[in-house]
Amino acid sequence: MPYFDRTLVCRECGSSFPFTAGEQAFYAGRGFLNDPARCGNCRNLRKPGAEPAVHRYVRYGPFASFGGRSPRQMHPATCGRCGQMTEVPFLPRGDRAVFCPDCFSAMRSQPAERRLSSRR
């Protein structure tokens, strides 16, 4: 089915905007039956002001797990190398050592042979 550029009127601001043949093909490919009712500016203005219930979860920013959907649960632990108190994003078990960020990065920079010999 051939598509032709059309001009639509925004229901929000009343301005006219183009609905190109490429956009029409995209809409048809996605199975959308209705033409867009708002211009690009009005669509963009609606995005940040959307109700939290529409998103179905609260965003906590870059320091949250699962892509910002829920807050990261932190657990207190004692570093097995320096003895300093730290917090880790997992529940520490008693059978494995937990390291603070400084000790962990120092351990990762050591060659594997030295790390294995320091455990014995």
Protein backbone atom coordinates (compact mmCIF):
# COMPACT_ATOMS: atom_id res chain seq x y z
CA MET A 1 0.00 0.00 0.00
CA PRO A 2 1.57 3.31 -1.00
CA TYR A 3 1.78 6.03 1.59
CA PHE A 4 1.73 9.78 0.95
CA ASP A 5 2.74 12.64 3.22
CA ARG A 6 -0.25 14.09 5.06
CA THR A 7 -0.76 17.07 7.35
CA LEU A 8 -2.48 16.43 10.69
CA VAL A 9 -3.73 18.85 13.36
CA CYS A 10 -2.51 18.46 16.95
CA ARG A 11 -5.29 17.92 19.45
CA GLU A 12 -3.24 19.60 22.21
CA CYS A 13 -2.00 22.85 20.66
CA GLY A 14 -3.97 22.99 17.40
CA SER A 15 -0.91 23.37 15.17
CA SER A 16 -0.50 21.33 12.00
CA PHE A 17 2.33 18.79 11.69
CA PRO A 18 3.46 16.45 8.91
CA PHE A 19 2.72 12.73 9.04
CA THR A 20 5.26 11.48 6.54
CA ALA A 21 5.01 8.37 4.39
CA GLY A 22 7.86 6.81 6.37
CA GLU A 23 6.07 7.40 9.67
CA GLN A 24 2.89 5.92 8.22
CA ALA A 25 4.79 2.79 7.13
CA PHE A 26 6.34 2.55 10.60
CA TYR A 27 2.94 2.84 12.29
CA ALA A 28 1.47 0.20 9.96
CA GLY A 29 4.43 -2.12 10.59
CA ARG A 30 3.88 -1.87 14.34
CA GLY A 31 0.16 -2.56 13.98
CA PHE A 32 -1.01 0.90 15.08
CA LEU A 33 -4.46 1.60 13.69
CA ASN A 34 -4.81 5.28 14.64
CA ASP A 35 -2.88 8.28 13.37
CA PRO A 36 -0.89 10.29 15.94
CA ALA A 37 -3.10 12.88 17.64
CA ARG A 38 -0.32 15.17 18.94
CA CYS A 39 2.62 16.91 17.32
CA GLY A 40 6.16 15.98 18.30
CA ASN A 41 6.52 18.91 20.72
CA CYS A 42 3.32 18.07 22.59
CA ARG A 43 4.30 14.38 22.76
CA ASN A 44 7.68 15.32 24.25
CA LEU A 45 6.07 17.67 26.77
CA ARG A 46 3.83 14.86 28.01
CA LYS A 47 6.66 12.38 28.66
CA PRO A 48 8.36 13.93 31.73
CA GLY A 49 5.03 14.88 33.32
CA ALA A 50 3.55 11.39 33.15
CA GLU A 51 1.95 10.03 36.30
CA PRO A 52 4.10 7.55 38.31
CA ALA A 53 1.33 4.93 38.05
CA VAL A 54 1.77 4.91 34.28
CA HIS A 55 5.38 3.74 34.60
CA ARG A 56 4.46 1.01 37.12
CA TYR A 57 7.69 1.52 39.08
CA VAL A 58 9.65 4.31 40.72
CA ARG A 59 13.02 5.31 39.27
CA TYR A 60 15.83 5.65 41.82
CA GLY A 61 18.60 6.74 39.46
CA PRO A 62 21.88 5.13 38.43
CA PHE A 63 22.61 3.67 41.88
CA ALA A 64 19.69 1.27 41.77
CA SER A 65 19.59 -2.31 40.59
CA PHE A 66 17.63 -3.66 37.63
CA GLY A 67 18.04 -0.58 35.46
CA GLY A 68 16.67 1.88 37.99
CA ARG A 69 13.47 0.05 38.85
CA SER A 70 14.08 -0.67 42.52
CA PRO A 71 16.53 0.55 45.16
CA ARG A 72 19.62 -1.55 45.68
CA GLN A 73 19.56 -3.36 49.01
CA MET A 74 22.90 -2.97 50.80
CA HIS A 75 24.12 -5.24 53.61
CA PRO A 76 26.73 -4.42 56.29
CA ALA A 77 29.90 -6.51 56.32
CA THR A 78 33.44 -6.49 57.69
CA CYS A 79 36.31 -6.50 55.20
CA GLY A 80 38.25 -9.76 55.37
CA ARG A 81 41.53 -8.01 54.59
CA CYS A 82 41.63 -4.72 56.52
CA GLY A 83 38.76 -5.22 59.02
CA GLN A 84 36.97 -2.01 58.02
CA MET A 85 33.15 -1.93 58.03
CA THR A 86 31.64 -1.75 54.53
CA GLU A 87 28.38 -2.32 52.71
CA VAL A 88 27.90 -4.83 49.91
CA PRO A 89 24.96 -5.38 47.50
CA PHE A 90 24.65 -9.07 48.42
CA LEU A 91 23.94 -10.97 51.62
CA PRO A 92 27.35 -12.03 52.98
CA ARG A 93 27.76 -15.66 53.96
CA GLY A 94 30.19 -16.71 56.66
CA ASP A 95 32.14 -19.16 54.48
CA ARG A 96 33.60 -16.56 52.06
CA ALA A 97 35.54 -13.36 52.71
CA VAL A 98 34.02 -9.99 51.86
CA PHE A 99 36.23 -7.07 50.84
CA CYS A 100 35.79 -3.29 50.97
CA PRO A 101 36.06 -1.47 47.62
CA ASP A 102 39.71 -0.47 48.20
CA CYS A 103 40.84 -3.99 49.10
CA PHE A 104 38.75 -5.52 46.33
CA SER A 105 40.36 -3.32 43.67
CA ALA A 106 43.81 -4.04 45.15
CA MET A 107 43.10 -7.78 45.02
CA ARG A 108 41.94 -7.54 41.39
CA SER A 109 45.11 -5.74 40.34
CA GLN A 110 47.30 -8.56 41.75
CA PRO A 111 48.25 -11.46 39.46
CA ALA A 112 46.21 -14.64 40.05
CA GLU A 113 49.20 -16.60 41.43
CA ARG A 114 49.76 -14.07 44.23
CA ARG A 115 46.05 -14.06 45.15
CA LEU A 116 46.00 -17.84 45.46
CA SER A 117 49.17 -17.92 47.57
CA SER A 118 47.82 -15.22 49.93
CA ARG A 119 44.73 -17.35 50.72
CA ARG A 120 46.78 -20.24 52.06
